[in-house]
Amino acid sequence: MDHDEGVEGAETKAAWARRIYTVMDEILQNPYEHQIIVMHGGSLTCVVASWIKMPIESAGYASFRAPSGSITTLREDDFFHNRQVVCLGDTRHLHSAKAG
């Protein structure tokens, strides 16, 4: 995860992942039942990895991809607090908009 992109001043993948994990921790401290997170597609992998509590050291091996404008739904069970990726990259809302 300490890959250097070769761009002067750019953060490493590890620094980027830590930043996303930190923000996810902050978001999940909110008491809201539903939250919407809007992100650049490249951040989706770290958001999902953080959500499922994948150790950050392992996140560099994961890759979650979704089309632009898509919706990914994450859910936590109220009883066991299991975390689920309900839907990854759903685009049905885009197709229904075109039909109207």
C-alpha atoms as a PDB file:
ATOM      1  CA  MET A   1       0.000   0.000   0.000  1.00  0.00           C
ATOM      2  CA  ASP A   2       3.004   2.304   0.134  1.00  0.00           C
ATOM      3  CA  HIS A   3       3.040   2.485  -3.657  1.00  0.00           C
ATOM      4  CA  ASP A   4       4.421   5.791  -4.911  1.00  0.00           C
ATOM      5  CA  GLU A   5       2.509   7.014  -7.960  1.00  0.00           C
ATOM      6  CA  GLY A   6       5.538   9.013  -9.091  1.00  0.00           C
ATOM      7  CA  VAL A   7       3.693  12.321  -8.895  1.00  0.00           C
ATOM      8  CA  GLU A   8       5.549  14.821  -6.760  1.00  0.00           C
ATOM      9  CA  GLY A   9       3.559  15.680  -3.638  1.00  0.00           C
ATOM     10  CA  ALA A  10       0.936  12.963  -4.213  1.00  0.00           C
ATOM     11  CA  GLU A  11      -0.059  10.846  -1.234  1.00  0.00           C
ATOM     12  CA  THR A  12       0.678   7.133  -1.240  1.00  0.00           C
ATOM     13  CA  LYS A  13      -2.122   4.598  -1.534  1.00  0.00           C
ATOM     14  CA  ALA A  14      -1.590   3.797   2.161  1.00  0.00           C
ATOM     15  CA  ALA A  15      -2.036   7.449   3.196  1.00  0.00           C
ATOM     16  CA  TRP A  16      -5.139   7.718   1.014  1.00  0.00           C
ATOM     17  CA  ALA A  17      -6.605   4.520   2.525  1.00  0.00           C
ATOM     18  CA  ARG A  18      -5.901   5.749   6.081  1.00  0.00           C
ATOM     19  CA  ARG A  19      -7.650   9.017   5.267  1.00  0.00           C
ATOM     20  CA  ILE A  20     -10.750   7.199   3.989  1.00  0.00           C
ATOM     21  CA  TYR A  21     -10.801   4.799   6.952  1.00  0.00           C
ATOM     22  CA  THR A  22     -10.599   7.793   9.317  1.00  0.00           C
ATOM     23  CA  VAL A  23     -13.484   9.554   7.573  1.00  0.00           C
ATOM     24  CA  MET A  24     -15.562   6.361   7.633  1.00  0.00           C
ATOM     25  CA  ASP A  25     -14.950   6.055  11.384  1.00  0.00           C
ATOM     26  CA  GLU A  26     -16.188   9.641  11.792  1.00  0.00           C
ATOM     27  CA  ILE A  27     -19.260   9.068   9.600  1.00  0.00           C
ATOM     28  CA  LEU A  28     -20.213   5.926  11.504  1.00  0.00           C
ATOM     29  CA  GLN A  29     -20.155   7.825  14.800  1.00  0.00           C
ATOM     30  CA  ASN A  30     -23.219   9.767  13.628  1.00  0.00           C
ATOM     31  CA  PRO A  31     -26.498   8.542  15.161  1.00  0.00           C
ATOM     32  CA  TYR A  32     -28.426   8.624  11.868  1.00  0.00           C
ATOM     33  CA  GLU A  33     -30.314   5.592  10.607  1.00  0.00           C
ATOM     34  CA  HIS A  34     -29.470   6.397   6.958  1.00  0.00           C
ATOM     35  CA  GLN A  35     -26.458   8.227   5.558  1.00  0.00           C
ATOM     36  CA  ILE A  36     -25.438   9.065   2.002  1.00  0.00           C
ATOM     37  CA  ILE A  37     -21.773   9.175   1.058  1.00  0.00           C
ATOM     38  CA  VAL A  38     -20.829  10.630  -2.308  1.00  0.00           C
ATOM     39  CA  MET A  39     -17.355   9.766  -3.536  1.00  0.00           C
ATOM     40  CA  HIS A  40     -15.034   9.372  -6.452  1.00  0.00           C
ATOM     41  CA  GLY A  41     -15.183   5.808  -7.761  1.00  0.00           C
ATOM     42  CA  GLY A  42     -11.596   5.102  -6.811  1.00  0.00           C
ATOM     43  CA  SER A  43     -12.478   5.516  -3.137  1.00  0.00           C
ATOM     44  CA  LEU A  44     -15.192   2.857  -3.190  1.00  0.00           C
ATOM     45  CA  THR A  45     -12.772   0.029  -2.420  1.00  0.00           C
ATOM     46  CA  CYS A  46     -11.574   1.687   0.785  1.00  0.00           C
ATOM     47  CA  VAL A  47     -15.111   2.678   1.824  1.00  0.00           C
ATOM     48  CA  VAL A  48     -16.368  -0.906   1.448  1.00  0.00           C
ATOM     49  CA  ALA A  49     -13.222  -2.368   3.023  1.00  0.00           C
ATOM     50  CA  SER A  50     -13.620  -0.052   5.987  1.00  0.00           C
ATOM     51  CA  TRP A  51     -17.345  -0.863   6.227  1.00  0.00           C
ATOM     52  CA  ILE A  52     -16.697  -4.616   6.459  1.00  0.00           C
ATOM     53  CA  LYS A  53     -13.879  -3.921   8.927  1.00  0.00           C
ATOM     54  CA  MET A  54     -11.208  -5.342   6.656  1.00  0.00           C
ATOM     55  CA  PRO A  55      -7.820  -4.554   8.168  1.00  0.00           C
ATOM     56  CA  ILE A  56      -6.286  -1.650   6.300  1.00  0.00           C
ATOM     57  CA  GLU A  57      -3.180  -3.771   5.648  1.00  0.00           C
ATOM     58  CA  SER A  58      -5.340  -6.147   3.583  1.00  0.00           C
ATOM     59  CA  ALA A  59      -7.325  -3.477   1.725  1.00  0.00           C
ATOM     60  CA  GLY A  60      -4.595  -3.173  -0.895  1.00  0.00           C
ATOM     61  CA  TYR A  61      -5.545  -6.650  -2.145  1.00  0.00           C
ATOM     62  CA  ALA A  62      -9.240  -5.819  -2.581  1.00  0.00           C
ATOM     63  CA  SER A  63     -10.916  -4.105  -5.505  1.00  0.00           C
ATOM     64  CA  PHE A  64     -14.559  -3.047  -5.537  1.00  0.00           C
ATOM     65  CA  ARG A  65     -15.656  -1.394  -8.775  1.00  0.00           C
ATOM     66  CA  ALA A  66     -18.885   0.306  -9.722  1.00  0.00           C
ATOM     67  CA  PRO A  67     -20.069   2.383 -12.693  1.00  0.00           C
ATOM     68  CA  SER A  68     -20.198   6.173 -12.469  1.00  0.00           C
ATOM     69  CA  GLY A  69     -23.441   7.435 -10.967  1.00  0.00           C
ATOM     70  CA  SER A  70     -24.231   4.077  -9.415  1.00  0.00           C
ATOM     71  CA  ILE A  71     -25.493   3.397  -5.905  1.00  0.00           C
ATOM     72  CA  THR A  72     -23.890   0.983  -3.467  1.00  0.00           C
ATOM     73  CA  THR A  73     -26.001   0.017  -0.465  1.00  0.00           C
ATOM     74  CA  LEU A  74     -24.374  -0.993   2.802  1.00  0.00           C
ATOM     75  CA  ARG A  75     -26.413  -2.266   5.746  1.00  0.00           C
ATOM     76  CA  GLU A  76     -25.740  -3.202   9.343  1.00  0.00           C
ATOM     77  CA  ASP A  77     -27.982  -5.757  11.045  1.00  0.00           C
ATOM     78  CA  ASP A  78     -29.699  -4.265  14.121  1.00  0.00           C
ATOM     79  CA  PHE A  79     -29.392  -7.449  16.183  1.00  0.00           C
ATOM     80  CA  PHE A  80     -25.992  -9.026  15.438  1.00  0.00           C
ATOM     81  CA  HIS A  81     -24.451  -5.876  13.896  1.00  0.00           C
ATOM     82  CA  ASN A  82     -23.224  -7.881  10.917  1.00  0.00           C
ATOM     83  CA  ARG A  83     -22.251  -5.642   8.027  1.00  0.00           C
ATOM     84  CA  GLN A  84     -23.462  -6.421   4.554  1.00  0.00           C
ATOM     85  CA  VAL A  85     -22.783  -5.133   1.051  1.00  0.00           C
ATOM     86  CA  VAL A  86     -26.401  -5.278  -0.135  1.00  0.00           C
ATOM     87  CA  CYS A  87     -25.831  -3.922  -3.603  1.00  0.00           C
ATOM     88  CA  LEU A  88     -22.657  -2.865  -5.380  1.00  0.00           C
ATOM     89  CA  GLY A  89     -22.921  -0.383  -8.241  1.00  0.00           C
ATOM     90  CA  ASP A  90     -26.674  -0.429  -8.877  1.00  0.00           C
ATOM     91  CA  THR A  91     -27.621   1.632 -11.959  1.00  0.00           C
ATOM     92  CA  ARG A  92     -31.375   0.908 -12.187  1.00  0.00           C
ATOM     93  CA  HIS A  93     -32.170   4.512 -11.250  1.00  0.00           C
ATOM     94  CA  LEU A  94     -30.231   5.698 -14.314  1.00  0.00           C
ATOM     95  CA  HIS A  95     -32.181   3.448 -16.672  1.00  0.00           C
ATOM     96  CA  SER A  96     -35.564   4.521 -15.293  1.00  0.00           C
ATOM     97  CA  ALA A  97     -34.593   8.193 -15.763  1.00  0.00           C
ATOM     98  CA  LYS A  98     -33.863   7.566 -19.444  1.00  0.00           C
ATOM     99  CA  ALA A  99     -37.237   5.857 -19.942  1.00  0.00           C
ATOM    100  CA  GLY A 100     -39.176   8.864 -18.566  1.00  0.00           C
END
